[in-house]
Amino acid sequence: MRRVQLLLAMALIGVGAIAASPTSASASGTQCTIHGGGGYGCTIYGGGYIQVCDNQVDGHRVRGHYTQFQSPTIRTTAWAPSRGCTDYAGGVWGFTIQKFRVCIEYEGCTAWKLT
């Protein structure tokens, strides 16, 4: 069952990345990470924006943590709605996202992923 959920999540990430961008060429530079507890997050436009999604309705909220180049401050995204995604969060002052992870309440976080 987990394998099917993982494959489904990966398929949704691919479709979402292309649908979220005006052209498939602008989807290049997309980086994603999947949390086994039912969430995932992706950066687009070479690390310019991040979006986090929650695949389940289980009461465990999903959000992303990220840092930007030239800033050690860990920033957070909004909480993703159940079976939905956050709006895209952008870099502050034009800096791109350096690394990010997906965290699920009560379950923990993925490893940091470099963009």
PDB file of N, CA and C in Angstrom:
ATOM      1  N   MET A   1       0.820  -1.194   0.000  1.00  0.00           N
ATOM      2  CA  MET A   1       0.000   0.000   0.000  1.00  0.00           C
ATOM      3  C   MET A   1       0.862   1.255   0.000  1.00  0.00           C
ATOM      4  N   ARG A   2       1.923   1.266   0.806  1.00  0.00           N
ATOM      5  CA  ARG A   2       2.823   2.431   0.837  1.00  0.00           C
ATOM      6  C   ARG A   2       3.456   2.662  -0.535  1.00  0.00           C
ATOM      7  N   ARG A   3       3.807   1.578  -1.222  1.00  0.00           N
ATOM      8  CA  ARG A   3       4.433   1.705  -2.542  1.00  0.00           C
ATOM      9  C   ARG A   3       3.460   2.377  -3.512  1.00  0.00           C
ATOM     10  N   VAL A   4       2.201   1.989  -3.463  1.00  0.00           N
ATOM     11  CA  VAL A   4       1.194   2.595  -4.333  1.00  0.00           C
ATOM     12  C   VAL A   4       1.020   4.074  -3.991  1.00  0.00           C
ATOM     13  N   GLN A   5       0.980   4.407  -2.710  1.00  0.00           N
ATOM     14  CA  GLN A   5       0.845   5.802  -2.300  1.00  0.00           C
ATOM     15  C   GLN A   5       2.046   6.616  -2.764  1.00  0.00           C
ATOM     16  N   LEU A   6       3.242   6.050  -2.649  1.00  0.00           N
ATOM     17  CA  LEU A   6       4.448   6.755  -3.070  1.00  0.00           C
ATOM     18  C   LEU A   6       4.427   6.996  -4.571  1.00  0.00           C
ATOM     19  N   LEU A   7       4.058   5.984  -5.339  1.00  0.00           N
ATOM     20  CA  LEU A   7       3.993   6.147  -6.793  1.00  0.00           C
ATOM     21  C   LEU A   7       2.938   7.171  -7.185  1.00  0.00           C
ATOM     22  N   LEU A   8       1.803   7.151  -6.498  1.00  0.00           N
ATOM     23  CA  LEU A   8       0.766   8.137  -6.767  1.00  0.00           C
ATOM     24  C   LEU A   8       1.242   9.544  -6.442  1.00  0.00           C
ATOM     25  N   ALA A   9       1.913   9.701  -5.317  1.00  0.00           N
ATOM     26  CA  ALA A   9       2.437  11.017  -4.938  1.00  0.00           C
ATOM     27  C   ALA A   9       3.449  11.517  -5.957  1.00  0.00           C
ATOM     28  N   MET A  10       4.310  10.635  -6.429  1.00  0.00           N
ATOM     29  CA  MET A  10       5.315  11.031  -7.423  1.00  0.00           C
ATOM     30  C   MET A  10       4.632  11.456  -8.723  1.00  0.00           C
ATOM     31  N   ALA A  11       3.582  10.746  -9.117  1.00  0.00           N
ATOM     32  CA  ALA A  11       2.846  11.120 -10.322  1.00  0.00           C
ATOM     33  C   ALA A  11       2.179  12.478 -10.152  1.00  0.00           C
ATOM     34  N   LEU A  12       1.585  12.721  -8.976  1.00  0.00           N
ATOM     35  CA  LEU A  12       0.941  14.006  -8.711  1.00  0.00           C
ATOM     36  C   LEU A  12       1.944  15.145  -8.716  1.00  0.00           C
ATOM     37  N   ILE A  13       3.148  14.892  -8.207  1.00  0.00           N
ATOM     38  CA  ILE A  13       4.185  15.921  -8.202  1.00  0.00           C
ATOM     39  C   ILE A  13       4.524  16.308  -9.628  1.00  0.00           C
ATOM     40  N   GLY A  14       4.707  15.319 -10.481  1.00  0.00           N
ATOM     41  CA  GLY A  14       5.052  15.601 -11.874  1.00  0.00           C
ATOM     42  C   GLY A  14       3.969  16.389 -12.581  1.00  0.00           C
ATOM     43  N   VAL A  15       2.728  15.994 -12.414  1.00  0.00           N
ATOM     44  CA  VAL A  15       1.605  16.693 -13.039  1.00  0.00           C
ATOM     45  C   VAL A  15       1.454  18.080 -12.453  1.00  0.00           C
ATOM     46  N   GLY A  16       1.556  18.202 -11.133  1.00  0.00           N
ATOM     47  CA  GLY A  16       1.410  19.501 -10.482  1.00  0.00           C
ATOM     48  C   GLY A  16       2.479  20.481 -10.891  1.00  0.00           C
ATOM     49  N   ALA A  17       3.710  20.010 -11.051  1.00  0.00           N
ATOM     50  CA  ALA A  17       4.806  20.902 -11.435  1.00  0.00           C
ATOM     51  C   ALA A  17       4.582  21.461 -12.832  1.00  0.00           C
ATOM     52  N   ILE A  18       4.080  20.625 -13.733  1.00  0.00           N
ATOM     53  CA  ILE A  18       3.844  21.089 -15.094  1.00  0.00           C
ATOM     54  C   ILE A  18       2.609  21.980 -15.135  1.00  0.00           C
ATOM     55  N   ALA A  19       1.550  21.595 -14.421  1.00  0.00           N
ATOM     56  CA  ALA A  19       0.315  22.387 -14.430  1.00  0.00           C
ATOM     57  C   ALA A  19       0.508  23.738 -13.763  1.00  0.00           C
ATOM     58  N   ALA A  20       1.403  23.822 -12.781  1.00  0.00           N
ATOM     59  CA  ALA A  20       1.594  25.069 -12.055  1.00  0.00           C
ATOM     60  C   ALA A  20       2.397  26.084 -12.846  1.00  0.00           C
ATOM     61  N   SER A  21       3.064  25.633 -13.887  1.00  0.00           N
ATOM     62  CA  SER A  21       3.894  26.544 -14.654  1.00  0.00           C
ATOM     63  C   SER A  21       3.248  26.821 -16.008  1.00  0.00           C
ATOM     64  N   PRO A  22       3.510  27.996 -16.569  1.00  0.00           N
ATOM     65  CA  PRO A  22       2.891  28.342 -17.837  1.00  0.00           C
ATOM     66  C   PRO A  22       3.326  27.431 -18.973  1.00  0.00           C
ATOM     67  N   THR A  23       4.565  26.985 -18.946  1.00  0.00           N
ATOM     68  CA  THR A  23       5.068  26.068 -19.962  1.00  0.00           C
ATOM     69  C   THR A  23       5.871  24.983 -19.286  1.00  0.00           C
ATOM     70  N   SER A  24       6.010  23.851 -19.943  1.00  0.00           N
ATOM     71  CA  SER A  24       6.776  22.761 -19.342  1.00  0.00           C
ATOM     72  C   SER A  24       8.248  23.138 -19.226  1.00  0.00           C
ATOM     73  N   ALA A  25       8.735  24.027 -20.068  1.00  0.00           N
ATOM     74  CA  ALA A  25      10.136  24.441 -19.989  1.00  0.00           C
ATOM     75  C   ALA A  25      10.414  25.181 -18.687  1.00  0.00           C
ATOM     76  N   SER A  26       9.422  25.930 -18.184  1.00  0.00           N
ATOM     77  CA  SER A  26       9.646  26.661 -16.942  1.00  0.00           C
ATOM     78  C   SER A  26       9.619  25.744 -15.728  1.00  0.00           C
ATOM     79  N   ALA A  27       9.182  24.491 -15.914  1.00  0.00           N
ATOM     80  CA  ALA A  27       9.175  23.542 -14.810  1.00  0.00           C
ATOM     81  C   ALA A  27      10.569  22.969 -14.568  1.00  0.00           C
ATOM     82  N   SER A  28      11.513  23.239 -15.477  1.00  0.00           N
ATOM     83  CA  SER A  28      12.866  22.748 -15.262  1.00  0.00           C
ATOM     84  C   SER A  28      13.427  23.388 -14.004  1.00  0.00           C
ATOM     85  N   GLY A  29      14.244  22.649 -13.294  1.00  0.00           N
ATOM     86  CA  GLY A  29      14.769  23.147 -12.039  1.00  0.00           C
ATOM     87  C   GLY A  29      13.890  22.799 -10.863  1.00  0.00           C
ATOM     88  N   THR A  30      12.866  21.962 -11.076  1.00  0.00           N
ATOM     89  CA  THR A  30      11.984  21.542  -9.991  1.00  0.00           C
ATOM     90  C   THR A  30      12.684  20.501  -9.137  1.00  0.00           C
ATOM     91  N   GLN A  31      12.641  20.689  -7.816  1.00  0.00           N
ATOM     92  CA  GLN A  31      13.190  19.730  -6.846  1.00  0.00           C
ATOM     93  C   GLN A  31      12.061  19.348  -5.906  1.00  0.00           C
ATOM     94  N   CYS A  32      11.922  18.061  -5.609  1.00  0.00           N
ATOM     95  CA  CYS A  32      10.856  17.603  -4.726  1.00  0.00           C
ATOM     96  C   CYS A  32      11.396  16.653  -3.662  1.00  0.00           C
ATOM     97  N   THR A  33      10.690  16.580  -2.550  1.00  0.00           N
ATOM     98  CA  THR A  33      10.976  15.592  -1.519  1.00  0.00           C
ATOM     99  C   THR A  33       9.642  15.074  -0.990  1.00  0.00           C
ATOM    100  N   ILE A  34       9.608  13.771  -0.700  1.00  0.00           N
ATOM    101  CA  ILE A  34       8.380  13.123  -0.259  1.00  0.00           C
ATOM    102  C   ILE A  34       8.541  12.624   1.169  1.00  0.00           C
ATOM    103  N   HIS A  35       7.557  12.926   1.999  1.00  0.00           N
ATOM    104  CA  HIS A  35       7.541  12.433   3.375  1.00  0.00           C
ATOM    105  C   HIS A  35       6.672  11.181   3.393  1.00  0.00           C
ATOM    106  N   GLY A  36       7.157  10.101   3.949  1.00  0.00           N
ATOM    107  CA  GLY A  36       6.422   8.843   3.976  1.00  0.00           C
ATOM    108  C   GLY A  36       5.113   8.899   4.712  1.00  0.00           C
ATOM    109  N   GLY A  37       4.893   9.937   5.506  1.00  0.00           N
ATOM    110  CA  GLY A  37       3.660  10.065   6.276  1.00  0.00           C
ATOM    111  C   GLY A  37       2.514  10.693   5.515  1.00  0.00           C
ATOM    112  N   GLY A  38       2.719  11.035   4.240  1.00  0.00           N
ATOM    113  CA  GLY A  38       1.612  11.561   3.460  1.00  0.00           C
ATOM    114  C   GLY A  38       1.741  13.002   3.019  1.00  0.00           C
ATOM    115  N   GLY A  39       2.935  13.532   2.921  1.00  0.00           N
ATOM    116  CA  GLY A  39       3.123  14.892   2.441  1.00  0.00           C
ATOM    117  C   GLY A  39       4.304  14.977   1.507  1.00  0.00           C
ATOM    118  N   TYR A  40       4.360  16.049   0.737  1.00  0.00           N
ATOM    119  CA  TYR A  40       5.510  16.288  -0.129  1.00  0.00           C
ATOM    120  C   TYR A  40       5.661  17.783  -0.360  1.00  0.00           C
ATOM    121  N   GLY A  41       6.817  18.167  -0.830  1.00  0.00           N
ATOM    122  CA  GLY A  41       7.075  19.561  -1.126  1.00  0.00           C
ATOM    123  C   GLY A  41       7.992  19.680  -2.329  1.00  0.00           C
ATOM    124  N   CYS A  42       7.831  20.758  -3.077  1.00  0.00           N
ATOM    125  CA  CYS A  42       8.640  20.988  -4.266  1.00  0.00           C
ATOM    126  C   CYS A  42       9.045  22.455  -4.355  1.00  0.00           C
ATOM    127  N   THR A  43      10.213  22.674  -4.899  1.00  0.00           N
ATOM    128  CA  THR A  43      10.612  24.032  -5.271  1.00  0.00           C
ATOM    129  C   THR A  43      10.521  24.111  -6.790  1.00  0.00           C
ATOM    130  N   ILE A  44      10.223  25.292  -7.297  1.00  0.00           N
ATOM    131  CA  ILE A  44      10.147  25.486  -8.743  1.00  0.00           C
ATOM    132  C   ILE A  44      10.972  26.703  -9.127  1.00  0.00           C
ATOM    133  N   TYR A  45      11.143  26.881 -10.421  1.00  0.00           N
ATOM    134  CA  TYR A  45      11.885  28.004 -10.983  1.00  0.00           C
ATOM    135  C   TYR A  45      13.271  28.125 -10.367  1.00  0.00           C
ATOM    136  N   GLY A  46      13.989  27.003 -10.314  1.00  0.00           N
ATOM    137  CA  GLY A  46      15.361  27.020  -9.818  1.00  0.00           C
ATOM    138  C   GLY A  46      15.469  27.388  -8.353  1.00  0.00           C
ATOM    139  N   GLY A  47      14.466  27.068  -7.559  1.00  0.00           N
ATOM    140  CA  GLY A  47      14.519  27.368  -6.131  1.00  0.00           C
ATOM    141  C   GLY A  47      13.936  28.713  -5.768  1.00  0.00           C
ATOM    142  N   GLY A  48      13.201  29.320  -6.680  1.00  0.00           N
ATOM    143  CA  GLY A  48      12.609  30.615  -6.390  1.00  0.00           C
ATOM    144  C   GLY A  48      11.367  30.544  -5.514  1.00  0.00           C
ATOM    145  N   TYR A  49      10.655  29.418  -5.575  1.00  0.00           N
ATOM    146  CA  TYR A  49       9.407  29.253  -4.826  1.00  0.00           C
ATOM    147  C   TYR A  49       9.314  27.836  -4.278  1.00  0.00           C
ATOM    148  N   ILE A  50       8.536  27.678  -3.207  1.00  0.00           N
ATOM    149  CA  ILE A  50       8.293  26.368  -2.608  1.00  0.00           C
ATOM    150  C   ILE A  50       6.798  26.185  -2.384  1.00  0.00           C
ATOM    151  N   GLN A  51       6.336  24.952  -2.563  1.00  0.00           N
ATOM    152  CA  GLN A  51       4.952  24.592  -2.293  1.00  0.00           C
ATOM    153  C   GLN A  51       4.953  23.259  -1.552  1.00  0.00           C
ATOM    154  N   VAL A  52       4.084  23.124  -0.554  1.00  0.00           N
ATOM    155  CA  VAL A  52       3.994  21.912   0.257  1.00  0.00           C
ATOM    156  C   VAL A  52       2.553  21.402   0.209  1.00  0.00           C
ATOM    157  N   CYS A  53       2.402  20.067   0.122  1.00  0.00           N
ATOM    158  CA  CYS A  53       1.077  19.456   0.001  1.00  0.00           C
ATOM    159  C   CYS A  53       0.880  18.358   1.039  1.00  0.00           C
ATOM    160  N   ASP A  54      -0.372  18.180   1.420  1.00  0.00           N
ATOM    161  CA  ASP A  54      -0.781  17.135   2.358  1.00  0.00           C
ATOM    162  C   ASP A  54      -1.676  16.166   1.603  1.00  0.00           C
ATOM    163  N   ASN A  55      -1.284  14.891   1.542  1.00  0.00           N
ATOM    164  CA  ASN A  55      -2.044  13.894   0.791  1.00  0.00           C
ATOM    165  C   ASN A  55      -3.155  13.236   1.593  1.00  0.00           C
ATOM    166  N   GLN A  56      -3.196  13.446   2.897  1.00  0.00           N
ATOM    167  CA  GLN A  56      -4.115  12.691   3.729  1.00  0.00           C
ATOM    168  C   GLN A  56      -5.020  13.594   4.569  1.00  0.00           C
ATOM    169  N   VAL A  57      -6.118  13.013   5.029  1.00  0.00           N
ATOM    170  CA  VAL A  57      -7.004  13.684   5.970  1.00  0.00           C
ATOM    171  C   VAL A  57      -6.894  12.892   7.272  1.00  0.00           C
ATOM    172  N   ASP A  58      -5.824  13.159   8.019  1.00  0.00           N
ATOM    173  CA  ASP A  58      -5.571  12.385   9.236  1.00  0.00           C
ATOM    174  C   ASP A  58      -5.329  13.267  10.459  1.00  0.00           C
ATOM    175  N   GLY A  59      -5.483  14.575  10.303  1.00  0.00           N
ATOM    176  CA  GLY A  59      -5.274  15.486  11.414  1.00  0.00           C
ATOM    177  C   GLY A  59      -3.826  15.859  11.655  1.00  0.00           C
ATOM    178  N   HIS A  60      -2.910  15.317  10.865  1.00  0.00           N
ATOM    179  CA  HIS A  60      -1.491  15.658  10.990  1.00  0.00           C
ATOM    180  C   HIS A  60      -1.170  16.700   9.929  1.00  0.00           C
ATOM    181  N   ARG A  61      -0.905  17.910  10.374  1.00  0.00           N
ATOM    182  CA  ARG A  61      -0.677  19.012   9.443  1.00  0.00           C
ATOM    183  C   ARG A  61       0.713  18.926   8.824  1.00  0.00           C
ATOM    184  N   VAL A  62       0.837  19.482   7.619  1.00  0.00           N
ATOM    185  CA  VAL A  62       2.080  19.439   6.852  1.00  0.00           C
ATOM    186  C   VAL A  62       2.518  20.860   6.538  1.00  0.00           C
ATOM    187  N   ARG A  63       3.815  21.128   6.717  1.00  0.00           N
ATOM    188  CA  ARG A  63       4.386  22.425   6.330  1.00  0.00           C
ATOM    189  C   ARG A  63       5.821  22.212   5.910  1.00  0.00           C
ATOM    190  N   GLY A  64       6.384  23.214   5.278  1.00  0.00           N
ATOM    191  CA  GLY A  64       7.768  23.141   4.830  1.00  0.00           C
ATOM    192  C   GLY A  64       8.661  24.084   5.618  1.00  0.00           C
ATOM    193  N   HIS A  65       9.909  23.694   5.746  1.00  0.00           N
ATOM    194  CA  HIS A  65      10.957  24.555   6.296  1.00  0.00           C
ATOM    195  C   HIS A  65      11.947  24.801   5.176  1.00  0.00           C
ATOM    196  N   TYR A  66      12.477  26.012   5.080  1.00  0.00           N
ATOM    197  CA  TYR A  66      13.474  26.284   4.045  1.00  0.00           C
ATOM    198  C   TYR A  66      14.420  27.387   4.485  1.00  0.00           C
ATOM    199  N   THR A  67      15.599  27.377   3.882  1.00  0.00           N
ATOM    200  CA  THR A  67      16.568  28.455   4.073  1.00  0.00           C
ATOM    201  C   THR A  67      16.897  29.026   2.702  1.00  0.00           C
ATOM    202  N   GLN A  68      17.392  30.244   2.715  1.00  0.00           N
ATOM    203  CA  GLN A  68      17.769  30.901   1.470  1.00  0.00           C
ATOM    204  C   GLN A  68      19.279  31.085   1.427  1.00  0.00           C
ATOM    205  N   PHE A  69      19.799  31.222   0.208  1.00  0.00           N
ATOM    206  CA  PHE A  69      21.216  31.524   0.072  1.00  0.00           C
ATOM    207  C   PHE A  69      21.513  32.825   0.799  1.00  0.00           C
ATOM    208  N   GLN A  70      22.607  32.881   1.483  1.00  0.00           N
ATOM    209  CA  GLN A  70      23.105  34.036   2.227  1.00  0.00           C
ATOM    210  C   GLN A  70      22.240  34.392   3.431  1.00  0.00           C
ATOM    211  N   SER A  71      21.452  33.421   3.933  1.00  0.00           N
ATOM    212  CA  SER A  71      20.663  33.661   5.138  1.00  0.00           C
ATOM    213  C   SER A  71      20.487  32.340   5.884  1.00  0.00           C
ATOM    214  N   PRO A  72      20.992  32.244   7.116  1.00  0.00           N
ATOM    215  CA  PRO A  72      20.852  30.995   7.870  1.00  0.00           C
ATOM    216  C   PRO A  72      19.479  30.819   8.527  1.00  0.00           C
ATOM    217  N   THR A  73      18.618  31.821   8.425  1.00  0.00           N
ATOM    218  CA  THR A  73      17.311  31.777   9.077  1.00  0.00           C
ATOM    219  C   THR A  73      16.435  30.689   8.450  1.00  0.00           C
ATOM    220  N   ILE A  74      15.862  29.821   9.296  1.00  0.00           N
ATOM    221  CA  ILE A  74      14.938  28.805   8.799  1.00  0.00           C
ATOM    222  C   ILE A  74      13.552  29.438   8.737  1.00  0.00           C
ATOM    223  N   ARG A  75      12.983  29.442   7.549  1.00  0.00           N
ATOM    224  CA  ARG A  75      11.648  30.004   7.326  1.00  0.00           C
ATOM    225  C   ARG A  75      10.657  28.851   7.188  1.00  0.00           C
ATOM    226  N   THR A  76       9.377  29.132   7.410  1.00  0.00           N
ATOM    227  CA  THR A  76       8.347  28.098   7.295  1.00  0.00           C
ATOM    228  C   THR A  76       7.263  28.534   6.320  1.00  0.00           C
ATOM    229  N   THR A  77       6.674  27.548   5.676  1.00  0.00           N
ATOM    230  CA  THR A  77       5.529  27.810   4.820  1.00  0.00           C
ATOM    231  C   THR A  77       4.272  27.793   5.681  1.00  0.00           C
ATOM    232  N   ALA A  78       3.164  28.109   5.079  1.00  0.00           N
ATOM    233  CA  ALA A  78       1.873  27.956   5.757  1.00  0.00           C
ATOM    234  C   ALA A  78       1.584  26.463   5.906  1.00  0.00           C
ATOM    235  N   TRP A  79       0.621  26.130   6.751  1.00  0.00           N
ATOM    236  CA  TRP A  79       0.183  24.735   6.862  1.00  0.00           C
ATOM    237  C   TRP A  79      -0.615  24.390   5.616  1.00  0.00           C
ATOM    238  N   ALA A  80      -0.345  23.214   5.039  1.00  0.00           N
ATOM    239  CA  ALA A  80      -1.111  22.759   3.877  1.00  0.00           C
ATOM    240  C   ALA A  80      -2.477  22.260   4.338  1.00  0.00           C
ATOM    241  N   PRO A  81      -3.531  22.566   3.589  1.00  0.00           N
ATOM    242  CA  PRO A  81      -4.839  22.030   3.961  1.00  0.00           C
ATOM    243  C   PRO A  81      -4.882  20.521   3.706  1.00  0.00           C
ATOM    244  N   SER A  82      -5.727  19.799   4.427  1.00  0.00           N
ATOM    245  CA  SER A  82      -5.864  18.357   4.199  1.00  0.00           C
ATOM    246  C   SER A  82      -6.237  18.098   2.747  1.00  0.00           C
ATOM    247  N   ARG A  83      -5.529  17.170   2.125  1.00  0.00           N
ATOM    248  CA  ARG A  83      -5.722  16.820   0.711  1.00  0.00           C
ATOM    249  C   ARG A  83      -5.575  18.037  -0.188  1.00  0.00           C
ATOM    250  N   GLY A  84      -4.643  18.933   0.166  1.00  0.00           N
ATOM    251  CA  GLY A  84      -4.435  20.129  -0.628  1.00  0.00           C
ATOM    252  C   GLY A  84      -3.010  20.648  -0.489  1.00  0.00           C
ATOM    253  N   CYS A  85      -2.746  21.779  -1.112  1.00  0.00           N
ATOM    254  CA  CYS A  85      -1.403  22.367  -1.136  1.00  0.00           C
ATOM    255  C   CYS A  85      -1.429  23.822  -0.678  1.00  0.00           C
ATOM    256  N   THR A  86      -0.294  24.291  -0.210  1.00  0.00           N
ATOM    257  CA  THR A  86      -0.139  25.695   0.142  1.00  0.00           C
ATOM    258  C   THR A  86      -0.013  26.516  -1.134  1.00  0.00           C
ATOM    259  N   ASP A  87      -0.174  27.810  -1.003  1.00  0.00           N
ATOM    260  CA  ASP A  87       0.215  28.700  -2.095  1.00  0.00           C
ATOM    261  C   ASP A  87       1.733  28.647  -2.179  1.00  0.00           C
ATOM    262  N   TYR A  88       2.279  29.084  -3.306  1.00  0.00           N
ATOM    263  CA  TYR A  88       3.734  29.117  -3.428  1.00  0.00           C
ATOM    264  C   TYR A  88       4.293  30.203  -2.516  1.00  0.00           C
ATOM    265  N   ALA A  89       5.320  29.857  -1.768  1.00  0.00           N
ATOM    266  CA  ALA A  89       6.033  30.826  -0.934  1.00  0.00           C
ATOM    267  C   ALA A  89       7.313  31.179  -1.679  1.00  0.00           C
ATOM    268  N   GLY A  90       7.628  32.452  -1.730  1.00  0.00           N
ATOM    269  CA  GLY A  90       8.796  32.879  -2.478  1.00  0.00           C
ATOM    270  C   GLY A  90       9.946  33.285  -1.596  1.00  0.00           C
ATOM    271  N   GLY A  91      11.080  33.393  -2.219  1.00  0.00           N
ATOM    272  CA  GLY A  91      12.260  33.861  -1.515  1.00  0.00           C
ATOM    273  C   GLY A  91      12.119  35.333  -1.137  1.00  0.00           C
ATOM    274  N   VAL A  92      12.760  35.713  -0.058  1.00  0.00           N
ATOM    275  CA  VAL A  92      12.707  37.088   0.419  1.00  0.00           C
ATOM    276  C   VAL A  92      13.865  37.861  -0.196  1.00  0.00           C
ATOM    277  N   TRP A  93      13.623  39.079  -0.626  1.00  0.00           N
ATOM    278  CA  TRP A  93      14.625  39.971  -1.213  1.00  0.00           C
ATOM    279  C   TRP A  93      15.318  39.367  -2.432  1.00  0.00           C
ATOM    280  N   GLY A  94      14.620  38.513  -3.159  1.00  0.00           N
ATOM    281  CA  GLY A  94      15.162  37.970  -4.395  1.00  0.00           C
ATOM    282  C   GLY A  94      16.136  36.819  -4.233  1.00  0.00           C
ATOM    283  N   PHE A  95      16.395  36.380  -3.006  1.00  0.00           N
ATOM    284  CA  PHE A  95      17.299  35.240  -2.817  1.00  0.00           C
ATOM    285  C   PHE A  95      16.543  33.945  -3.067  1.00  0.00           C
ATOM    286  N   THR A  96      17.198  32.991  -3.686  1.00  0.00           N
ATOM    287  CA  THR A  96      16.557  31.714  -3.945  1.00  0.00           C
ATOM    288  C   THR A  96      16.696  30.782  -2.748  1.00  0.00           C
ATOM    289  N   ILE A  97      15.883  29.748  -2.750  1.00  0.00           N
ATOM    290  CA  ILE A  97      15.886  28.772  -1.667  1.00  0.00           C
ATOM    291  C   ILE A  97      17.105  27.867  -1.806  1.00  0.00           C
ATOM    292  N   GLN A  98      17.830  27.706  -0.725  1.00  0.00           N
ATOM    293  CA  GLN A  98      19.040  26.883  -0.719  1.00  0.00           C
ATOM    294  C   GLN A  98      18.722  25.427  -0.401  1.00  0.00           C
ATOM    295  N   LYS A  99      17.911  25.208   0.633  1.00  0.00           N
ATOM    296  CA  LYS A  99      17.537  23.851   1.017  1.00  0.00           C
ATOM    297  C   LYS A  99      16.149  23.886   1.645  1.00  0.00           C
ATOM    298  N   PHE A 100      15.485  22.730   1.631  1.00  0.00           N
ATOM    299  CA  PHE A 100      14.133  22.663   2.182  1.00  0.00           C
ATOM    300  C   PHE A 100      13.858  21.255   2.681  1.00  0.00           C
ATOM    301  N   ARG A 101      12.815  21.145   3.502  1.00  0.00           N
ATOM    302  CA  ARG A 101      12.356  19.842   3.987  1.00  0.00           C
ATOM    303  C   ARG A 101      10.866  19.932   4.253  1.00  0.00           C
ATOM    304  N   VAL A 102      10.227  18.776   4.344  1.00  0.00           N
ATOM    305  CA  VAL A 102       8.798  18.693   4.616  1.00  0.00           C
ATOM    306  C   VAL A 102       8.624  18.110   6.012  1.00  0.00           C
ATOM    307  N   CYS A 103       7.778  18.742   6.814  1.00  0.00           N
ATOM    308  CA  CYS A 103       7.542  18.286   8.183  1.00  0.00           C
ATOM    309  C   CYS A 103       6.059  17.993   8.378  1.00  0.00           C
ATOM    310  N   ILE A 104       5.784  16.856   9.025  1.00  0.00           N
ATOM    311  CA  ILE A 104       4.420  16.474   9.349  1.00  0.00           C
ATOM    312  C   ILE A 104       4.288  16.461  10.862  1.00  0.00           C
ATOM    313  N   GLU A 105       3.282  17.172  11.328  1.00  0.00           N
ATOM    314  CA  GLU A 105       3.022  17.280  12.760  1.00  0.00           C
ATOM    315  C   GLU A 105       2.912  15.883  13.380  1.00  0.00           C
ATOM    316  N   TYR A 106       3.582  15.681  14.479  1.00  0.00           N
ATOM    317  CA  TYR A 106       3.622  14.429  15.243  1.00  0.00           C
ATOM    318  C   TYR A 106       4.446  13.323  14.575  1.00  0.00           C
ATOM    319  N   GLU A 107       4.971  13.549  13.366  1.00  0.00           N
ATOM    320  CA  GLU A 107       5.702  12.500  12.657  1.00  0.00           C
ATOM    321  C   GLU A 107       7.151  12.869  12.346  1.00  0.00           C
ATOM    322  N   GLY A 108       7.470  14.153  12.316  1.00  0.00           N
ATOM    323  CA  GLY A 108       8.839  14.567  12.046  1.00  0.00           C
ATOM    324  C   GLY A 108       9.020  15.128  10.647  1.00  0.00           C
ATOM    325  N   CYS A 109      10.295  15.277  10.274  1.00  0.00           N
ATOM    326  CA  CYS A 109      10.660  15.946   9.019  1.00  0.00           C
ATOM    327  C   CYS A 109      11.502  15.038   8.133  1.00  0.00           C
ATOM    328  N   THR A 110      11.489  15.341   6.853  1.00  0.00           N
ATOM    329  CA  THR A 110      12.390  14.673   5.924  1.00  0.00           C
ATOM    330  C   THR A 110      13.795  15.245   6.140  1.00  0.00           C
ATOM    331  N   ALA A 111      14.756  14.650   5.506  1.00  0.00           N
ATOM    332  CA  ALA A 111      16.110  15.229   5.500  1.00  0.00           C
ATOM    333  C   ALA A 111      16.073  16.506   4.652  1.00  0.00           C
ATOM    334  N   TRP A 112      17.016  17.402   4.910  1.00  0.00           N
ATOM    335  CA  TRP A 112      17.119  18.622   4.106  1.00  0.00           C
ATOM    336  C   TRP A 112      17.480  18.237   2.676  1.00  0.00           C
ATOM    337  N   LYS A 113      16.878  18.897   1.719  1.00  0.00           N
ATOM    338  CA  LYS A 113      17.177  18.679   0.292  1.00  0.00           C
ATOM    339  C   LYS A 113      17.724  19.976  -0.277  1.00  0.00           C
ATOM    340  N   LEU A 114      18.877  19.883  -0.905  1.00  0.00           N
ATOM    341  CA  LEU A 114      19.489  21.053  -1.541  1.00  0.00           C
ATOM    342  C   LEU A 114      18.843  21.319  -2.887  1.00  0.00           C
ATOM    343  N   THR A 115      18.682  22.606  -3.224  1.00  0.00           N
ATOM    344  CA  THR A 115      18.093  22.945  -4.523  1.00  0.00           C
ATOM    345  C   THR A 115      19.185  23.177  -5.544  1.00  0.00           C
TER     346      THR A 115
END
